[in-house]
Amino acid sequence: MEASIPSNDLPLNEDAVPPTSLDLPTMKGLLGQVEEASGSLGDTFGELQDLTMQVALHGEPRMTEEINKLLEQMETQERMHREGIAEIHLILNDYLEKQFLNHLEAQAQQGIDREIDELVREQVASYLEVHIPQDLQDEVGRTQRELEDLGIQLHNSESRRANALLRSNHPDDSIHAVYMSNGEVSSHFPKTLRDLFNLNEMCKTLAFDYELPVSDARDHNLNLFMQFCGVTYQVVCSSG
């Protein structure tokens, strides 16, 4: 019976999706597994050579012939295997080189963009100082602040209009945020209508945040804040 070993050729899976990206540790791990398998194949090849010598010494020509055939097949397989590993090394080195260059290019581009932005700001500021009178610069600054204030007012107006549609039978509906005078939303601002109705001492904190008149009475602060947010409900003030 003629000995044979399986081929390294594997059937292609047309449905398989190639990986889009492999990190360095993963690729090194895969390469290590391939090299380990190659080493095992080389060890087996050496053991068979030793076995051939022993059989030949014991005068078994037929067995020696069979083993020689097997050795020839394994030698072919080992050569193909090592050629495959060499190709994998080339692919890995090419991949890592491209990845490294892409990374360097991205970092360099980010640095260039930052430097350009900074240079443009400096040049614009220098140009304004030289060519535009200070009183005009001040006027531009005031106009910019007025536009920012108008943006805050427009946002708050739209939020109050939306909050006026909230109904108590849907307590988990979200409250539309209202900006403070600095254009930010207070970190204590309630998320839902239920959260708003359940406000306790936080009412006073919100009154401070939104620069509203502050009272020691929780109900007064809550009613004032709900009115400020556009919510159409009011709580009945408890009698002192």
Protein backbone atom coordinates (compact mmCIF):
# COMPACT_ATOMS: atom_id res chain seq x y z
CA MET A 1 0.00 0.00 0.00
CA GLU A 2 1.44 3.37 -1.01
CA ALA A 3 1.66 5.89 1.76
CA SER A 4 0.35 9.40 1.19
CA ILE A 5 -0.28 12.52 3.17
CA PRO A 6 -3.03 15.12 2.74
CA SER A 7 -2.40 18.18 0.62
CA ASN A 8 -2.14 21.68 2.03
CA ASP A 9 -4.54 22.95 -0.63
CA LEU A 10 -7.83 23.94 1.01
CA PRO A 11 -11.17 24.55 -0.76
CA LEU A 12 -12.06 28.18 -1.13
CA ASN A 13 -15.17 29.45 0.61
CA GLU A 14 -16.71 32.04 -1.70
CA ASP A 15 -19.03 33.25 1.07
CA ALA A 16 -16.18 33.98 3.42
CA VAL A 17 -15.62 37.66 4.09
CA PRO A 18 -11.95 38.63 4.39
CA PRO A 19 -11.05 40.61 7.50
CA THR A 20 -10.80 44.31 6.89
CA SER A 21 -8.11 44.91 9.47
CA LEU A 22 -5.86 42.91 11.76
CA ASP A 23 -3.90 44.42 14.61
CA LEU A 24 -0.23 43.63 15.08
CA PRO A 25 -0.61 41.17 18.02
CA THR A 26 -3.24 39.16 16.11
CA MET A 27 -1.11 38.90 12.97
CA LYS A 28 1.98 37.93 14.97
CA GLY A 29 -0.05 35.27 16.77
CA LEU A 30 -1.29 33.78 13.52
CA LEU A 31 2.21 33.78 12.09
CA GLY A 32 3.51 32.09 15.23
CA GLN A 33 0.93 29.32 14.85
CA VAL A 34 1.96 28.75 11.23
CA GLU A 35 5.65 28.64 12.15
CA GLU A 36 4.94 26.26 15.01
CA ALA A 37 3.11 23.95 12.62
CA SER A 38 6.04 24.18 10.21
CA GLY A 39 8.47 23.24 12.95
CA SER A 40 6.35 20.24 13.85
CA LEU A 41 6.34 19.18 10.20
CA GLY A 42 10.13 19.50 10.06
CA ASP A 43 10.50 17.40 13.21
CA THR A 44 8.31 14.68 11.66
CA PHE A 45 10.35 14.81 8.48
CA GLY A 46 13.55 14.30 10.46
CA GLU A 47 12.09 11.41 12.42
CA LEU A 48 11.10 9.67 9.19
CA GLN A 49 14.60 10.08 7.85
CA ASP A 50 15.99 8.42 10.97
CA LEU A 51 13.42 5.64 10.60
CA THR A 52 14.48 5.07 6.98
CA MET A 53 18.07 4.66 8.04
CA GLN A 54 17.08 2.13 10.69
CA VAL A 55 14.94 0.12 8.24
CA ALA A 56 17.68 0.15 5.63
CA LEU A 57 20.14 -1.16 8.20
CA HIS A 58 17.80 -4.05 8.99
CA GLY A 59 17.54 -5.05 5.33
CA GLU A 60 13.89 -4.16 4.54
CA PRO A 61 14.12 -2.78 0.98
CA ARG A 62 10.35 -2.73 0.34
CA MET A 63 9.61 -0.81 3.53
CA THR A 64 12.51 1.49 2.74
CA GLU A 65 11.02 2.24 -0.67
CA GLU A 66 7.63 3.08 0.83
CA ILE A 67 9.19 5.35 3.41
CA ASN A 68 11.28 7.07 0.73
CA LYS A 69 8.13 7.82 -1.24
CA LEU A 70 6.54 9.26 1.88
CA LEU A 71 9.65 11.32 2.53
CA GLU A 72 9.53 12.72 -1.00
CA GLN A 73 5.91 13.76 -0.51
CA MET A 74 6.68 15.30 2.85
CA GLU A 75 9.68 17.11 1.45
CA THR A 76 7.45 18.61 -1.24
CA GLN A 77 4.86 19.56 1.36
CA GLU A 78 7.48 21.07 3.65
CA ARG A 79 8.92 23.15 0.79
CA MET A 80 5.45 24.41 -0.11
CA HIS A 81 4.79 25.09 3.57
CA ARG A 82 7.96 27.13 4.01
CA GLU A 83 7.31 29.03 0.79
CA GLY A 84 3.87 29.85 2.16
CA ILE A 85 5.40 31.13 5.40
CA ALA A 86 7.83 33.28 3.42
CA GLU A 87 4.92 34.74 1.49
CA ILE A 88 3.05 35.42 4.71
CA HIS A 89 6.11 37.25 6.03
CA LEU A 90 6.16 39.42 2.92
CA ILE A 91 2.43 40.18 3.21
CA LEU A 92 2.77 40.95 6.93
CA ASN A 93 5.73 43.26 6.43
CA ASP A 94 3.95 45.07 3.60
CA TYR A 95 0.80 45.42 5.69
CA LEU A 96 2.65 46.72 8.75
CA GLU A 97 4.63 49.16 6.62
CA LYS A 98 1.45 50.55 5.07
CA GLN A 99 -0.29 50.74 8.45
CA PHE A 100 2.68 52.54 9.97
CA LEU A 101 2.90 55.00 7.10
CA ASN A 102 -0.85 55.66 7.24
CA HIS A 103 -0.60 56.28 10.98
CA LEU A 104 2.30 58.69 10.55
CA GLU A 105 0.49 60.47 7.74
CA ALA A 106 -2.66 60.90 9.84
CA GLN A 107 -0.66 62.24 12.79
CA ALA A 108 1.29 64.60 10.56
CA GLN A 109 -1.91 65.87 8.93
CA GLN A 110 -3.48 66.53 12.33
CA GLY A 111 -0.42 68.45 13.42
CA ILE A 112 -0.42 70.47 10.21
CA ASP A 113 -4.13 71.28 10.58
CA ARG A 114 -3.59 72.50 14.15
CA GLU A 115 -0.66 74.66 13.13
CA ILE A 116 -2.61 76.13 10.21
CA ASP A 117 -5.60 76.93 12.44
CA GLU A 118 -3.36 78.61 14.99
CA LEU A 119 -1.50 80.53 12.29
CA VAL A 120 -4.75 81.74 10.73
CA ARG A 121 -6.05 82.94 14.11
CA GLU A 122 -2.82 84.81 14.78
CA GLN A 123 -2.79 86.37 11.33
CA VAL A 124 -6.43 87.43 11.56
CA ALA A 125 -5.90 88.92 15.01
CA SER A 126 -2.81 90.76 13.79
CA TYR A 127 -4.65 92.05 10.72
CA LEU A 128 -7.56 93.28 12.81
CA GLU A 129 -5.25 95.14 15.19
CA VAL A 130 -3.49 96.91 12.33
CA HIS A 131 -6.27 97.59 9.83
CA ILE A 132 -9.49 97.85 11.88
CA PRO A 133 -9.95 100.62 14.45
CA GLN A 134 -10.41 99.50 18.06
CA ASP A 135 -13.86 101.08 18.33
CA LEU A 136 -14.99 99.05 15.30
CA GLN A 137 -13.55 95.89 16.83
CA ASP A 138 -15.49 96.63 20.02
CA GLU A 139 -18.64 97.12 17.98
CA VAL A 140 -18.10 93.76 16.26
CA GLY A 141 -17.65 92.12 19.66
CA ARG A 142 -20.88 93.66 20.97
CA THR A 143 -22.74 92.57 17.85
CA GLN A 144 -21.44 89.03 18.24
CA ARG A 145 -22.58 88.90 21.86
CA GLU A 146 -25.99 90.25 20.88
CA LEU A 147 -26.32 87.54 18.25
CA GLU A 148 -25.40 84.91 20.83
CA ASP A 149 -28.04 86.30 23.20
CA LEU A 150 -30.62 86.25 20.42
CA GLY A 151 -29.73 82.62 19.73
CA ILE A 152 -30.30 81.75 23.39
CA GLN A 153 -33.61 83.61 23.43
CA LEU A 154 -34.78 81.89 20.24
CA HIS A 155 -33.89 78.46 21.62
CA ASN A 156 -35.64 79.16 24.92
CA SER A 157 -38.71 80.45 23.14
CA GLU A 158 -39.00 77.26 21.09
CA SER A 159 -38.44 75.11 24.20
CA ARG A 160 -41.16 76.95 26.13
CA ARG A 161 -43.57 76.55 23.22
CA ALA A 162 -42.91 72.80 23.19
CA ASN A 163 -43.09 72.50 26.98
CA ALA A 164 -46.51 74.17 26.95
CA LEU A 165 -47.82 71.07 25.13
CA LEU A 166 -46.74 68.67 27.91
CA ARG A 167 -49.59 66.99 29.79
CA SER A 168 -49.62 65.49 33.26
CA ASN A 169 -51.07 62.18 31.99
CA HIS A 170 -47.75 61.67 30.17
CA PRO A 171 -45.35 62.32 33.04
CA ASP A 172 -42.39 60.59 31.39
CA ASP A 173 -42.34 62.92 28.38
CA SER A 174 -39.06 64.82 28.07
CA ILE A 175 -38.85 68.48 28.99
CA HIS A 176 -37.19 70.65 26.38
CA ALA A 177 -34.10 72.20 27.93
CA VAL A 178 -33.89 75.92 28.60
CA TYR A 179 -30.55 77.70 28.43
CA MET A 180 -29.08 79.78 31.21
CA SER A 181 -27.77 83.26 30.39
CA ASN A 182 -24.36 81.74 29.55
CA GLY A 183 -25.87 79.52 26.85
CA GLU A 184 -25.57 76.31 28.86
CA VAL A 185 -28.16 74.05 30.47
CA SER A 186 -28.02 73.63 34.23
CA SER A 187 -26.78 70.22 35.34
CA HIS A 188 -29.80 70.12 37.68
CA PHE A 189 -32.35 70.63 34.90
CA PRO A 190 -35.08 67.94 35.13
CA LYS A 191 -35.29 65.37 32.33
CA THR A 192 -39.02 64.63 32.37
CA LEU A 193 -42.26 66.13 33.62
CA ARG A 194 -42.25 63.62 36.47
CA ASP A 195 -38.77 64.80 37.49
CA LEU A 196 -40.01 68.38 37.41
CA PHE A 197 -43.01 67.68 39.67
CA ASN A 198 -40.78 65.76 42.09
CA LEU A 199 -38.27 68.57 42.53
CA ASN A 200 -37.65 69.36 46.16
CA GLU A 201 -34.81 71.50 47.50
CA MET A 202 -33.35 71.48 43.99
CA CYS A 203 -35.95 74.13 43.07
CA LYS A 204 -33.90 76.73 44.92
CA THR A 205 -30.70 75.65 43.16
CA LEU A 206 -32.42 75.92 39.76
CA ALA A 207 -33.74 79.35 40.68
CA PHE A 208 -30.17 80.48 41.39
CA ASP A 209 -28.91 78.89 38.16
CA TYR A 210 -31.52 80.68 36.03
CA GLU A 211 -31.31 83.95 37.99
CA LEU A 212 -34.90 83.77 39.20
CA PRO A 213 -36.22 85.28 42.43
CA VAL A 214 -35.53 82.78 45.20
CA SER A 215 -37.95 82.01 48.01
CA ASP A 216 -37.71 79.75 51.04
CA ALA A 217 -40.97 78.13 49.96
CA ARG A 218 -40.49 75.10 47.72
CA ASP A 219 -43.88 75.48 45.99
CA HIS A 220 -43.19 79.11 45.12
CA ASN A 221 -39.80 78.25 43.58
CA LEU A 222 -41.28 75.31 41.68
CA ASN A 223 -44.18 77.33 40.26
CA LEU A 224 -41.83 80.10 39.20
CA PHE A 225 -39.46 77.64 37.54
CA MET A 226 -42.29 75.81 35.72
CA GLN A 227 -43.57 79.13 34.45
CA PHE A 228 -40.05 80.05 33.32
CA CYS A 229 -39.80 76.75 31.39
CA GLY A 230 -43.20 77.22 29.75
CA VAL A 231 -44.92 74.36 31.60
CA THR A 232 -48.57 75.31 32.04
CA TYR A 233 -49.13 73.59 35.41
CA GLN A 234 -48.92 75.11 38.86
CA VAL A 235 -48.80 73.45 42.24
CA VAL A 236 -51.06 74.58 45.06
CA CYS A 237 -48.96 76.37 47.61
CA SER A 238 -49.11 74.70 51.02
CA SER A 239 -50.31 76.93 53.82
CA GLY A 240 -47.68 77.96 56.28
